[in-house]
N, C-alpha and C. Protein backbone atom coordinates (compact mmCIF):
# COMPACT_ATOMS: atom_id res chain seq x y z
N MET A 1 -61.12 70.73 -21.95
CA MET A 1 -62.35 70.48 -22.66
C MET A 1 -63.12 69.37 -21.94
N ILE A 2 -64.40 69.54 -21.78
CA ILE A 2 -65.26 68.53 -21.15
C ILE A 2 -66.18 67.98 -22.24
N ILE A 3 -66.24 66.64 -22.32
CA ILE A 3 -67.17 66.00 -23.24
C ILE A 3 -68.20 65.25 -22.41
N LYS A 4 -69.30 64.89 -23.02
CA LYS A 4 -70.33 64.13 -22.31
C LYS A 4 -70.46 62.76 -22.95
N VAL A 5 -70.44 61.76 -22.11
CA VAL A 5 -70.66 60.38 -22.52
C VAL A 5 -71.70 59.82 -21.56
N LYS A 6 -72.76 59.26 -22.11
CA LYS A 6 -73.86 58.74 -21.30
C LYS A 6 -74.39 59.82 -20.36
N ASN A 7 -74.41 61.06 -20.85
CA ASN A 7 -74.89 62.23 -20.11
C ASN A 7 -74.07 62.56 -18.87
N LEU A 8 -72.85 62.02 -18.78
CA LEU A 8 -71.95 62.36 -17.68
C LEU A 8 -70.80 63.19 -18.23
N PRO A 9 -70.42 64.29 -17.56
CA PRO A 9 -69.28 65.07 -18.03
C PRO A 9 -67.98 64.31 -17.78
N VAL A 10 -67.13 64.26 -18.79
CA VAL A 10 -65.85 63.56 -18.67
C VAL A 10 -64.76 64.48 -19.21
N PRO A 11 -63.74 64.80 -18.38
CA PRO A 11 -62.67 65.65 -18.88
C PRO A 11 -61.85 64.94 -19.95
N GLN A 12 -61.23 65.71 -20.82
CA GLN A 12 -60.37 65.13 -21.85
C GLN A 12 -59.26 64.34 -21.17
N VAL A 13 -58.98 63.17 -21.68
CA VAL A 13 -57.96 62.30 -21.08
C VAL A 13 -56.60 62.68 -21.65
N THR A 14 -55.65 62.89 -20.75
CA THR A 14 -54.27 63.20 -21.13
C THR A 14 -53.34 62.31 -20.30
N CYS A 15 -52.06 62.33 -20.60
CA CYS A 15 -51.10 61.56 -19.82
C CYS A 15 -51.11 62.01 -18.36
N ALA A 16 -51.43 63.27 -18.12
CA ALA A 16 -51.41 63.80 -16.76
C ALA A 16 -52.60 63.33 -15.92
N ASN A 17 -53.73 62.99 -16.55
CA ASN A 17 -54.90 62.59 -15.76
C ASN A 17 -55.40 61.18 -16.08
N CYS A 18 -54.64 60.43 -16.85
CA CYS A 18 -55.02 59.05 -17.16
C CYS A 18 -55.06 58.25 -15.87
N GLN A 19 -56.08 57.46 -15.71
CA GLN A 19 -56.21 56.64 -14.50
C GLN A 19 -55.90 55.17 -14.77
N ALA A 20 -55.37 54.87 -15.96
CA ALA A 20 -54.99 53.52 -16.34
C ALA A 20 -56.15 52.54 -16.20
N CYS A 21 -57.36 53.00 -16.51
CA CYS A 21 -58.55 52.14 -16.41
C CYS A 21 -58.44 50.92 -17.33
N CYS A 22 -57.80 51.09 -18.46
CA CYS A 22 -57.68 49.98 -19.40
C CYS A 22 -56.80 48.86 -18.87
N CYS A 23 -55.99 49.14 -17.87
CA CYS A 23 -55.07 48.14 -17.34
C CYS A 23 -55.74 47.07 -16.50
N SER A 24 -57.04 47.18 -16.31
CA SER A 24 -57.75 46.11 -15.60
C SER A 24 -58.52 45.22 -16.58
N LEU A 25 -58.44 45.53 -17.87
CA LEU A 25 -59.11 44.71 -18.89
C LEU A 25 -58.27 43.49 -19.23
N GLU A 26 -58.94 42.42 -19.66
CA GLU A 26 -58.18 41.25 -20.12
C GLU A 26 -57.58 41.57 -21.47
N VAL A 27 -56.28 41.32 -21.60
CA VAL A 27 -55.57 41.61 -22.84
C VAL A 27 -54.97 40.33 -23.38
N ARG A 28 -55.52 39.86 -24.48
CA ARG A 28 -54.98 38.68 -25.16
C ARG A 28 -53.76 39.09 -25.97
N ILE A 29 -52.77 38.24 -25.99
CA ILE A 29 -51.58 38.48 -26.80
C ILE A 29 -51.77 37.70 -28.09
N ILE A 30 -51.96 38.44 -29.19
CA ILE A 30 -52.27 37.81 -30.48
C ILE A 30 -51.15 37.96 -31.50
N SER A 31 -50.11 38.70 -31.14
CA SER A 31 -48.96 38.84 -32.04
C SER A 31 -47.72 39.04 -31.18
N ASP A 32 -46.57 38.80 -31.76
CA ASP A 32 -45.32 38.94 -31.01
C ASP A 32 -44.84 40.38 -31.07
N THR A 33 -44.96 41.07 -29.96
CA THR A 33 -44.45 42.44 -29.88
C THR A 33 -43.27 42.52 -28.91
N GLY A 34 -42.89 41.38 -28.36
CA GLY A 34 -41.76 41.36 -27.44
C GLY A 34 -42.13 41.50 -25.98
N VAL A 35 -43.38 41.18 -25.63
CA VAL A 35 -43.79 41.24 -24.22
C VAL A 35 -42.90 40.27 -23.43
N PRO A 36 -42.24 40.76 -22.38
CA PRO A 36 -41.40 39.85 -21.58
C PRO A 36 -42.22 38.72 -20.96
N ASN A 37 -41.64 37.55 -20.91
CA ASN A 37 -42.33 36.35 -20.39
C ASN A 37 -42.88 36.55 -18.99
N ARG A 38 -42.24 37.35 -18.16
CA ARG A 38 -42.70 37.54 -16.78
C ARG A 38 -44.05 38.24 -16.71
N HIS A 39 -44.50 38.83 -17.83
CA HIS A 39 -45.79 39.52 -17.88
C HIS A 39 -46.85 38.71 -18.64
N ILE A 40 -46.53 37.47 -19.00
CA ILE A 40 -47.46 36.66 -19.79
C ILE A 40 -48.07 35.55 -18.94
N TYR A 41 -49.39 35.45 -19.03
CA TYR A 41 -50.13 34.36 -18.39
C TYR A 41 -50.56 33.40 -19.51
N ILE A 42 -50.32 32.11 -19.32
CA ILE A 42 -50.72 31.10 -20.30
C ILE A 42 -51.76 30.21 -19.64
N ASP A 43 -52.96 30.16 -20.24
CA ASP A 43 -54.03 29.34 -19.66
C ASP A 43 -53.87 27.87 -20.05
N GLU A 44 -54.78 27.05 -19.57
CA GLU A 44 -54.67 25.60 -19.80
C GLU A 44 -54.78 25.19 -21.26
N TYR A 45 -55.25 26.10 -22.11
CA TYR A 45 -55.37 25.82 -23.55
C TYR A 45 -54.20 26.39 -24.34
N GLY A 46 -53.27 27.03 -23.66
CA GLY A 46 -52.11 27.60 -24.33
C GLY A 46 -52.31 29.04 -24.81
N ASN A 47 -53.47 29.63 -24.50
CA ASN A 47 -53.72 31.01 -24.88
C ASN A 47 -52.91 31.94 -23.99
N GLU A 48 -52.35 32.97 -24.59
CA GLU A 48 -51.54 33.92 -23.85
C GLU A 48 -52.30 35.22 -23.63
N SER A 49 -52.17 35.75 -22.43
CA SER A 49 -52.74 37.06 -22.11
C SER A 49 -51.78 37.76 -21.15
N MET A 50 -52.02 39.05 -20.96
CA MET A 50 -51.19 39.79 -20.01
C MET A 50 -51.52 39.32 -18.60
N LEU A 51 -50.49 39.09 -17.82
CA LEU A 51 -50.64 38.67 -16.43
C LEU A 51 -51.23 39.82 -15.62
N ARG A 52 -52.22 39.49 -14.81
CA ARG A 52 -52.78 40.49 -13.89
C ARG A 52 -52.43 40.07 -12.47
N LEU A 53 -52.11 41.05 -11.66
CA LEU A 53 -51.73 40.78 -10.28
C LEU A 53 -52.96 40.74 -9.38
N ASP A 54 -52.75 40.53 -8.10
CA ASP A 54 -53.86 40.39 -7.15
C ASP A 54 -54.80 41.59 -7.12
N ASP A 55 -54.30 42.77 -7.48
CA ASP A 55 -55.15 43.97 -7.49
C ASP A 55 -56.00 44.06 -8.76
N GLY A 56 -55.85 43.07 -9.68
CA GLY A 56 -56.63 43.04 -10.90
C GLY A 56 -56.03 43.85 -12.04
N GLN A 57 -54.94 44.54 -11.77
CA GLN A 57 -54.30 45.37 -12.79
C GLN A 57 -53.21 44.58 -13.51
N CYS A 58 -52.89 45.01 -14.71
CA CYS A 58 -51.84 44.41 -15.52
C CYS A 58 -50.51 44.43 -14.76
N SER A 59 -49.76 43.36 -14.88
CA SER A 59 -48.47 43.29 -14.18
C SER A 59 -47.45 44.28 -14.74
N ALA A 60 -47.66 44.78 -15.96
CA ALA A 60 -46.73 45.73 -16.57
C ALA A 60 -47.02 47.17 -16.15
N LEU A 61 -48.12 47.39 -15.44
CA LEU A 61 -48.47 48.74 -15.00
C LEU A 61 -47.58 49.16 -13.83
N ASN A 62 -46.89 50.28 -13.99
CA ASN A 62 -46.13 50.84 -12.88
C ASN A 62 -47.13 51.49 -11.94
N ARG A 63 -47.25 50.97 -10.74
CA ARG A 63 -48.28 51.44 -9.80
C ARG A 63 -48.02 52.86 -9.31
N ASP A 64 -46.78 53.33 -9.37
CA ASP A 64 -46.46 54.68 -8.90
C ASP A 64 -46.80 55.74 -9.95
N THR A 65 -46.49 55.45 -11.21
CA THR A 65 -46.70 56.44 -12.27
C THR A 65 -47.98 56.20 -13.07
N LEU A 66 -48.59 55.01 -12.92
CA LEU A 66 -49.73 54.56 -13.73
C LEU A 66 -49.40 54.56 -15.21
N MET A 67 -48.15 54.26 -15.53
CA MET A 67 -47.71 54.17 -16.91
C MET A 67 -47.23 52.75 -17.19
N CYS A 68 -47.27 52.36 -18.44
CA CYS A 68 -46.85 51.02 -18.84
C CYS A 68 -45.33 50.91 -18.75
N SER A 69 -44.87 49.88 -18.06
CA SER A 69 -43.42 49.68 -17.91
C SER A 69 -42.80 48.99 -19.12
N ILE A 70 -43.63 48.50 -20.03
CA ILE A 70 -43.13 47.84 -21.26
C ILE A 70 -43.73 48.51 -22.49
N TYR A 71 -43.92 49.80 -22.43
CA TYR A 71 -44.65 50.53 -23.48
C TYR A 71 -44.17 50.19 -24.89
N GLU A 72 -42.88 50.13 -25.12
CA GLU A 72 -42.36 49.83 -26.46
C GLU A 72 -42.65 48.40 -26.89
N ASN A 73 -42.94 47.51 -25.94
CA ASN A 73 -43.21 46.10 -26.24
C ASN A 73 -44.62 45.69 -25.87
N ARG A 74 -45.52 46.65 -25.70
CA ARG A 74 -46.89 46.35 -25.27
C ARG A 74 -47.61 45.55 -26.36
N PRO A 75 -48.62 44.77 -25.95
CA PRO A 75 -49.37 43.96 -26.92
C PRO A 75 -50.12 44.82 -27.94
N TRP A 76 -50.48 44.19 -29.04
CA TRP A 76 -51.20 44.87 -30.13
C TRP A 76 -52.49 45.52 -29.63
N VAL A 77 -53.25 44.82 -28.80
CA VAL A 77 -54.52 45.35 -28.28
C VAL A 77 -54.28 46.67 -27.55
N CYS A 78 -53.22 46.73 -26.77
CA CYS A 78 -52.91 47.97 -26.04
C CYS A 78 -52.53 49.09 -27.00
N ARG A 79 -51.89 48.75 -28.09
CA ARG A 79 -51.52 49.76 -29.09
C ARG A 79 -52.76 50.33 -29.78
N GLU A 80 -53.77 49.51 -29.94
CA GLU A 80 -55.00 49.93 -30.62
C GLU A 80 -55.97 50.67 -29.71
N PHE A 81 -55.87 50.47 -28.41
CA PHE A 81 -56.77 51.10 -27.45
C PHE A 81 -56.26 52.52 -27.20
N GLU A 82 -56.86 53.49 -27.84
CA GLU A 82 -56.34 54.85 -27.79
C GLU A 82 -56.81 55.63 -26.57
N MET A 83 -55.88 56.34 -25.97
CA MET A 83 -56.21 57.20 -24.84
C MET A 83 -57.20 58.27 -25.31
N GLY A 84 -58.28 58.41 -24.58
CA GLY A 84 -59.29 59.41 -24.91
C GLY A 84 -60.33 58.95 -25.91
N SER A 85 -60.20 57.71 -26.42
CA SER A 85 -61.17 57.18 -27.37
C SER A 85 -62.49 56.88 -26.65
N TYR A 86 -63.52 56.57 -27.42
CA TYR A 86 -64.81 56.22 -26.82
C TYR A 86 -64.66 55.07 -25.83
N GLU A 87 -63.88 54.04 -26.21
CA GLU A 87 -63.68 52.88 -25.35
C GLU A 87 -62.99 53.28 -24.05
N CYS A 88 -62.02 54.17 -24.15
CA CYS A 88 -61.29 54.66 -22.98
C CYS A 88 -62.24 55.40 -22.04
N ILE A 89 -63.01 56.32 -22.59
CA ILE A 89 -63.94 57.10 -21.79
C ILE A 89 -64.98 56.17 -21.14
N ASP A 90 -65.46 55.20 -21.90
CA ASP A 90 -66.45 54.26 -21.38
C ASP A 90 -65.89 53.48 -20.19
N GLU A 91 -64.64 53.04 -20.27
CA GLU A 91 -64.02 52.32 -19.15
C GLU A 91 -63.89 53.22 -17.93
N ARG A 92 -63.53 54.48 -18.15
CA ARG A 92 -63.40 55.43 -17.03
C ARG A 92 -64.74 55.62 -16.33
N ILE A 93 -65.81 55.75 -17.12
CA ILE A 93 -67.14 55.96 -16.55
C ILE A 93 -67.58 54.74 -15.76
N GLU A 94 -67.32 53.53 -16.30
CA GLU A 94 -67.70 52.31 -15.60
C GLU A 94 -67.02 52.19 -14.24
N LYS A 95 -65.84 52.76 -14.10
CA LYS A 95 -65.09 52.64 -12.86
C LYS A 95 -65.40 53.77 -11.87
N LEU A 96 -66.29 54.69 -12.25
CA LEU A 96 -66.69 55.78 -11.32
C LEU A 96 -67.49 55.25 -10.16
């Protein structure tokens, strides 16, 4: 199925064609879901967010599969950001 967003055709997002566009967004950690410490960045004010590596992507992103390596312990924001949602499609279009 093809949908249109901002007058651009966008294929339906599935696990097979997800490009992990959301993994370049800043993700604040606002609740304890068990994110391993090695994936947490703490700023000078003590705020926690997901660590991003030099490529700008989340440190928990498996670069080979483009899947989350800590899926069961991902932050709340990641749980709420639904694959194929308007926000997801918008991020994909911005990265075209």
